[in-house]
């Protein structure tokens, strides 16, 4: 159950889904004007410039890099959330 909740929080946080009735209140970090939106746009525009220099529509290596970094972000975000839940509940001892 907590894993599904963590996925929902992450999806709301990244704007991958719109809030539904009963969802936790989570800030969309990719909303217009937010830092994450600007950073993502910078990456997107850099990708377009690179493809233009390479004279290709899309570069598979660049797409792989971007997609894998987004996947890493999802894994780290979910793990941090789960650690937060465990620390808050006292299940983990601080070192």
C-alpha atoms as a PDB file:
ATOM      1  CA  UNK A   1       0.000   0.000   0.000  1.00  0.00           C
ATOM      2  CA  UNK A   2       2.769   2.476   0.917  1.00  0.00           C
ATOM      3  CA  UNK A   3       4.559   1.727  -2.369  1.00  0.00           C
ATOM      4  CA  UNK A   4       1.456   2.658  -4.384  1.00  0.00           C
ATOM      5  CA  UNK A   5       1.112   5.801  -2.267  1.00  0.00           C
ATOM      6  CA  UNK A   6       4.770   6.682  -2.962  1.00  0.00           C
ATOM      7  CA  UNK A   7       4.158   6.219  -6.708  1.00  0.00           C
ATOM      8  CA  UNK A   8       1.108   8.501  -6.526  1.00  0.00           C
ATOM      9  CA  UNK A   9       3.070  11.164  -4.645  1.00  0.00           C
ATOM     10  CA  UNK A  10       5.890  10.991  -7.204  1.00  0.00           C
ATOM     11  CA  UNK A  11       3.494  11.167 -10.155  1.00  0.00           C
ATOM     12  CA  UNK A  12       1.739  14.189  -8.654  1.00  0.00           C
ATOM     13  CA  UNK A  13       5.066  15.807  -7.770  1.00  0.00           C
ATOM     14  CA  UNK A  14       6.318  15.479 -11.338  1.00  0.00           C
ATOM     15  CA  UNK A  15       3.030  16.370 -12.994  1.00  0.00           C
ATOM     16  CA  UNK A  16       2.749  12.942 -14.611  1.00  0.00           C
ATOM     17  CA  UNK A  17      -0.868  12.827 -13.463  1.00  0.00           C
ATOM     18  CA  UNK A  18      -3.483  15.309 -12.350  1.00  0.00           C
ATOM     19  CA  UNK A  19      -4.780  15.209  -8.787  1.00  0.00           C
ATOM     20  CA  UNK A  20      -7.905  13.135  -8.289  1.00  0.00           C
ATOM     21  CA  UNK A  21     -10.392  13.154  -5.435  1.00  0.00           C
ATOM     22  CA  UNK A  22      -8.756  11.503  -2.426  1.00  0.00           C
ATOM     23  CA  UNK A  23      -5.168  12.021  -3.613  1.00  0.00           C
ATOM     24  CA  UNK A  24      -2.678  13.570  -1.192  1.00  0.00           C
ATOM     25  CA  UNK A  25      -2.037  17.272  -1.607  1.00  0.00           C
ATOM     26  CA  UNK A  26       1.288  17.385  -3.445  1.00  0.00           C
ATOM     27  CA  UNK A  27       2.933  20.319  -5.172  1.00  0.00           C
ATOM     28  CA  UNK A  28       3.608  19.845  -8.911  1.00  0.00           C
ATOM     29  CA  UNK A  29       7.298  20.724  -9.145  1.00  0.00           C
ATOM     30  CA  UNK A  30       7.042  20.899 -12.956  1.00  0.00           C
ATOM     31  CA  UNK A  31       4.223  23.452 -12.999  1.00  0.00           C
ATOM     32  CA  UNK A  32       4.685  26.565 -15.119  1.00  0.00           C
ATOM     33  CA  UNK A  33       7.291  28.897 -13.661  1.00  0.00           C
ATOM     34  CA  UNK A  34       8.795  26.304 -11.325  1.00  0.00           C
ATOM     35  CA  UNK A  35      12.513  25.523 -11.316  1.00  0.00           C
ATOM     36  CA  UNK A  36      12.015  21.919 -12.477  1.00  0.00           C
ATOM     37  CA  UNK A  37       9.972  23.107 -15.454  1.00  0.00           C
ATOM     38  CA  UNK A  38      12.770  25.479 -16.495  1.00  0.00           C
ATOM     39  CA  UNK A  39      15.462  22.828 -16.025  1.00  0.00           C
ATOM     40  CA  UNK A  40      13.464  20.325 -18.064  1.00  0.00           C
ATOM     41  CA  UNK A  41      12.952  22.922 -20.815  1.00  0.00           C
ATOM     42  CA  UNK A  42      16.698  23.604 -20.829  1.00  0.00           C
ATOM     43  CA  UNK A  43      17.376  19.883 -21.330  1.00  0.00           C
ATOM     44  CA  UNK A  44      14.738  19.686 -24.076  1.00  0.00           C
ATOM     45  CA  UNK A  45      16.179  22.677 -25.940  1.00  0.00           C
ATOM     46  CA  UNK A  46      19.742  21.351 -25.586  1.00  0.00           C
ATOM     47  CA  UNK A  47      18.526  18.068 -27.077  1.00  0.00           C
ATOM     48  CA  UNK A  48      16.985  19.943 -30.031  1.00  0.00           C
ATOM     49  CA  UNK A  49      20.233  21.864 -30.623  1.00  0.00           C
ATOM     50  CA  UNK A  50      22.276  18.674 -30.464  1.00  0.00           C
ATOM     51  CA  UNK A  51      19.968  16.939 -32.956  1.00  0.00           C
ATOM     52  CA  UNK A  52      20.225  19.947 -35.245  1.00  0.00           C
ATOM     53  CA  UNK A  53      24.037  19.816 -35.112  1.00  0.00           C
ATOM     54  CA  UNK A  54      23.930  16.085 -35.849  1.00  0.00           C
ATOM     55  CA  UNK A  55      21.365  16.649 -38.628  1.00  0.00           C
ATOM     56  CA  UNK A  56      18.981  14.073 -37.143  1.00  0.00           C
ATOM     57  CA  UNK A  57      15.374  14.218 -35.950  1.00  0.00           C
ATOM     58  CA  UNK A  58      16.166  12.362 -32.755  1.00  0.00           C
ATOM     59  CA  UNK A  59      19.277  10.891 -31.205  1.00  0.00           C
ATOM     60  CA  UNK A  60      18.728   7.526 -29.530  1.00  0.00           C
ATOM     61  CA  UNK A  61      21.689   7.947 -27.177  1.00  0.00           C
ATOM     62  CA  UNK A  62      20.453  11.317 -25.928  1.00  0.00           C
ATOM     63  CA  UNK A  63      16.952   9.897 -25.451  1.00  0.00           C
ATOM     64  CA  UNK A  64      18.424   6.961 -23.540  1.00  0.00           C
ATOM     65  CA  UNK A  65      20.400   9.313 -21.279  1.00  0.00           C
ATOM     66  CA  UNK A  66      17.365  11.482 -20.546  1.00  0.00           C
ATOM     67  CA  UNK A  67      15.007   8.555 -19.966  1.00  0.00           C
ATOM     68  CA  UNK A  68      17.471   6.728 -17.719  1.00  0.00           C
ATOM     69  CA  UNK A  69      18.156   9.837 -15.629  1.00  0.00           C
ATOM     70  CA  UNK A  70      14.389  10.312 -15.192  1.00  0.00           C
ATOM     71  CA  UNK A  71      14.083   6.665 -14.152  1.00  0.00           C
ATOM     72  CA  UNK A  72      16.953   7.075 -11.663  1.00  0.00           C
ATOM     73  CA  UNK A  73      15.154  10.129 -10.263  1.00  0.00           C
ATOM     74  CA  UNK A  74      11.968   8.078  -9.822  1.00  0.00           C
ATOM     75  CA  UNK A  75      13.816   5.274  -8.019  1.00  0.00           C
ATOM     76  CA  UNK A  76      15.664   7.683  -5.714  1.00  0.00           C
ATOM     77  CA  UNK A  77      12.544   9.727  -4.992  1.00  0.00           C
ATOM     78  CA  UNK A  78      10.535   6.635  -4.116  1.00  0.00           C
ATOM     79  CA  UNK A  79      13.309   5.274  -1.891  1.00  0.00           C
ATOM     80  CA  UNK A  80      13.693   8.615  -0.093  1.00  0.00           C
ATOM     81  CA  UNK A  81       9.948   8.716   0.503  1.00  0.00           C
ATOM     82  CA  UNK A  82       9.969   5.188   1.938  1.00  0.00           C
ATOM     83  CA  UNK A  83      12.945   6.021   4.179  1.00  0.00           C
ATOM     84  CA  UNK A  84      11.085   9.116   5.363  1.00  0.00           C
ATOM     85  CA  UNK A  85       8.092   6.987   6.304  1.00  0.00           C
ATOM     86  CA  UNK A  86      10.334   4.506   8.144  1.00  0.00           C
ATOM     87  CA  UNK A  87      12.262   7.219  10.009  1.00  0.00           C
ATOM     88  CA  UNK A  88       9.068   8.993  10.955  1.00  0.00           C
ATOM     89  CA  UNK A  89       7.577   5.777  12.310  1.00  0.00           C
ATOM     90  CA  UNK A  90      10.801   4.930  14.196  1.00  0.00           C
ATOM     91  CA  UNK A  91      11.508   1.758  12.179  1.00  0.00           C
ATOM     92  CA  UNK A  92      15.059   2.864  11.323  1.00  0.00           C
ATOM     93  CA  UNK A  93      17.717   3.967  13.727  1.00  0.00           C
ATOM     94  CA  UNK A  94      19.813   6.988  12.815  1.00  0.00           C
ATOM     95  CA  UNK A  95      23.520   6.304  12.518  1.00  0.00           C
END
